[in-house]
Amino acid sequence: MTKPFDRAELFARLQVGCRILDLQSTLTDLVKQLELALAQIKQLQGLVPICSYCKKIRDDQNYWQRVETYLAARLDARFTHGICPDCFDSILQ
């Protein structure tokens, strides 16, 4: 800025500075959200210890829980239940 300064120019520069700070803050928040999502994805990668009979999954605390419970705790998902045609034919008829 040169002296004497122009009030309108100073105001415009301050607005630009505030906008840049807001954008940087928004970007920081988005990066944190992406890092959290990536951590959740990595948590679901790899081997999942599952019972071959009842299909329950063992979590990190060595607790066995239903597949739906395990996945719902790690994903933004809700489950509905139904019967597939094969099970319908073999079990219900």
C-alpha atoms as a PDB file:
ATOM      1  CA  MET A   1       0.000   0.000   0.000  1.00  0.00           C
ATOM      2  CA  THR A   2       1.220   3.429  -0.808  1.00  0.00           C
ATOM      3  CA  LYS A   3       0.759   6.428   1.400  1.00  0.00           C
ATOM      4  CA  PRO A   4      -1.608   8.095   1.555  1.00  0.00           C
ATOM      5  CA  PHE A   5      -3.755   4.985   1.239  1.00  0.00           C
ATOM      6  CA  ASP A   6      -7.087   4.773  -0.449  1.00  0.00           C
ATOM      7  CA  ARG A   7      -9.825   3.619   1.962  1.00  0.00           C
ATOM      8  CA  ALA A   8     -11.699   1.751  -0.761  1.00  0.00           C
ATOM      9  CA  GLU A   9      -8.551  -0.132  -1.797  1.00  0.00           C
ATOM     10  CA  LEU A  10      -7.750  -0.996   1.835  1.00  0.00           C
ATOM     11  CA  PHE A  11     -11.305  -2.238   2.368  1.00  0.00           C
ATOM     12  CA  ALA A  12     -11.131  -4.335  -0.816  1.00  0.00           C
ATOM     13  CA  ARG A  13      -7.801  -5.867   0.222  1.00  0.00           C
ATOM     14  CA  LEU A  14      -9.161  -6.687   3.675  1.00  0.00           C
ATOM     15  CA  GLN A  15     -12.195  -8.381   2.108  1.00  0.00           C
ATOM     16  CA  VAL A  16      -9.925 -10.460  -0.130  1.00  0.00           C
ATOM     17  CA  GLY A  17      -7.799 -11.431   2.872  1.00  0.00           C
ATOM     18  CA  CYS A  18     -10.881 -12.473   4.854  1.00  0.00           C
ATOM     19  CA  ARG A  19     -12.173 -14.494   1.907  1.00  0.00           C
ATOM     20  CA  ILE A  20      -8.820 -16.274   1.546  1.00  0.00           C
ATOM     21  CA  LEU A  21      -8.819 -17.137   5.258  1.00  0.00           C
ATOM     22  CA  ASP A  22     -12.386 -18.472   5.024  1.00  0.00           C
ATOM     23  CA  LEU A  23     -11.481 -20.593   2.005  1.00  0.00           C
ATOM     24  CA  GLN A  24      -8.395 -21.954   3.763  1.00  0.00           C
ATOM     25  CA  SER A  25     -10.495 -22.846   6.796  1.00  0.00           C
ATOM     26  CA  THR A  26     -13.066 -24.597   4.610  1.00  0.00           C
ATOM     27  CA  LEU A  27     -10.312 -26.470   2.799  1.00  0.00           C
ATOM     28  CA  THR A  28      -8.802 -27.578   6.113  1.00  0.00           C
ATOM     29  CA  ASP A  29     -12.191 -28.910   7.252  1.00  0.00           C
ATOM     30  CA  LEU A  30     -12.669 -30.795   3.980  1.00  0.00           C
ATOM     31  CA  VAL A  31      -9.199 -32.332   4.225  1.00  0.00           C
ATOM     32  CA  LYS A  32     -10.010 -33.538   7.758  1.00  0.00           C
ATOM     33  CA  GLN A  33     -13.262 -35.091   6.521  1.00  0.00           C
ATOM     34  CA  LEU A  34     -11.429 -36.837   3.697  1.00  0.00           C
ATOM     35  CA  GLU A  35      -8.760 -38.149   6.070  1.00  0.00           C
ATOM     36  CA  LEU A  36     -11.479 -39.529   8.351  1.00  0.00           C
ATOM     37  CA  ALA A  37     -13.216 -41.197   5.406  1.00  0.00           C
ATOM     38  CA  LEU A  38      -9.924 -42.679   4.237  1.00  0.00           C
ATOM     39  CA  ALA A  39      -9.225 -44.025   7.724  1.00  0.00           C
ATOM     40  CA  GLN A  40     -12.643 -45.695   7.736  1.00  0.00           C
ATOM     41  CA  ILE A  41     -12.016 -47.211   4.312  1.00  0.00           C
ATOM     42  CA  LYS A  42      -8.626 -48.519   5.400  1.00  0.00           C
ATOM     43  CA  GLN A  43     -10.264 -50.016   8.479  1.00  0.00           C
ATOM     44  CA  LEU A  44     -12.509 -52.095   6.224  1.00  0.00           C
ATOM     45  CA  GLN A  45      -9.654 -53.309   4.029  1.00  0.00           C
ATOM     46  CA  GLY A  46      -7.816 -56.513   4.683  1.00  0.00           C
ATOM     47  CA  LEU A  47      -8.958 -59.661   6.399  1.00  0.00           C
ATOM     48  CA  VAL A  48     -12.188 -59.735   8.381  1.00  0.00           C
ATOM     49  CA  PRO A  49     -12.427 -62.577  10.926  1.00  0.00           C
ATOM     50  CA  ILE A  50     -15.837 -64.141  10.334  1.00  0.00           C
ATOM     51  CA  CYS A  51     -17.379 -67.304  11.763  1.00  0.00           C
ATOM     52  CA  SER A  52     -17.903 -69.864   9.034  1.00  0.00           C
ATOM     53  CA  TYR A  53     -21.124 -71.089  10.692  1.00  0.00           C
ATOM     54  CA  CYS A  54     -23.082 -68.132  12.027  1.00  0.00           C
ATOM     55  CA  LYS A  55     -21.315 -65.416   9.968  1.00  0.00           C
ATOM     56  CA  LYS A  56     -20.637 -63.189  13.005  1.00  0.00           C
ATOM     57  CA  ILE A  57     -17.555 -60.968  12.773  1.00  0.00           C
ATOM     58  CA  ARG A  58     -14.909 -60.578  15.478  1.00  0.00           C
ATOM     59  CA  ASP A  59     -13.982 -56.958  16.174  1.00  0.00           C
ATOM     60  CA  ASP A  60     -10.739 -55.502  17.542  1.00  0.00           C
ATOM     61  CA  GLN A  61     -11.860 -56.122  21.141  1.00  0.00           C
ATOM     62  CA  ASN A  62     -12.321 -59.847  20.395  1.00  0.00           C
ATOM     63  CA  TYR A  63     -16.125 -59.473  20.563  1.00  0.00           C
ATOM     64  CA  TRP A  64     -18.307 -61.358  18.087  1.00  0.00           C
ATOM     65  CA  GLN A  65     -21.123 -59.400  16.519  1.00  0.00           C
ATOM     66  CA  ARG A  66     -23.569 -59.733  13.656  1.00  0.00           C
ATOM     67  CA  VAL A  67     -22.408 -58.615  10.224  1.00  0.00           C
ATOM     68  CA  GLU A  68     -25.014 -55.845  10.183  1.00  0.00           C
ATOM     69  CA  THR A  69     -23.853 -54.454  13.523  1.00  0.00           C
ATOM     70  CA  TYR A  70     -20.188 -54.577  12.522  1.00  0.00           C
ATOM     71  CA  LEU A  71     -20.733 -52.799   9.205  1.00  0.00           C
ATOM     72  CA  ALA A  72     -23.226 -50.250  10.544  1.00  0.00           C
ATOM     73  CA  ALA A  73     -20.643 -49.145  13.126  1.00  0.00           C
ATOM     74  CA  ARG A  74     -18.059 -48.560  10.403  1.00  0.00           C
ATOM     75  CA  LEU A  75     -20.153 -47.330   7.492  1.00  0.00           C
ATOM     76  CA  ASP A  76     -22.885 -44.798   6.976  1.00  0.00           C
ATOM     77  CA  ALA A  77     -25.333 -47.580   6.188  1.00  0.00           C
ATOM     78  CA  ARG A  78     -28.622 -48.966   7.394  1.00  0.00           C
ATOM     79  CA  PHE A  79     -29.814 -52.471   6.689  1.00  0.00           C
ATOM     80  CA  THR A  80     -33.105 -53.998   5.726  1.00  0.00           C
ATOM     81  CA  HIS A  81     -33.747 -57.698   5.677  1.00  0.00           C
ATOM     82  CA  GLY A  82     -35.463 -59.845   3.144  1.00  0.00           C
ATOM     83  CA  ILE A  83     -35.287 -63.362   1.769  1.00  0.00           C
ATOM     84  CA  CYS A  84     -33.476 -64.117  -1.455  1.00  0.00           C
ATOM     85  CA  PRO A  85     -35.215 -66.400  -3.964  1.00  0.00           C
ATOM     86  CA  ASP A  86     -32.848 -69.323  -3.278  1.00  0.00           C
ATOM     87  CA  CYS A  87     -33.491 -69.239   0.478  1.00  0.00           C
ATOM     88  CA  PHE A  88     -37.188 -68.815  -0.098  1.00  0.00           C
ATOM     89  CA  ASP A  89     -37.250 -71.904  -2.283  1.00  0.00           C
ATOM     90  CA  SER A  90     -35.096 -74.057  -0.011  1.00  0.00           C
ATOM     91  CA  ILE A  91     -36.333 -73.015   3.445  1.00  0.00           C
ATOM     92  CA  LEU A  92     -39.879 -71.783   3.148  1.00  0.00           C
ATOM     93  CA  GLN A  93     -41.267 -74.316   0.712  1.00  0.00           C
END
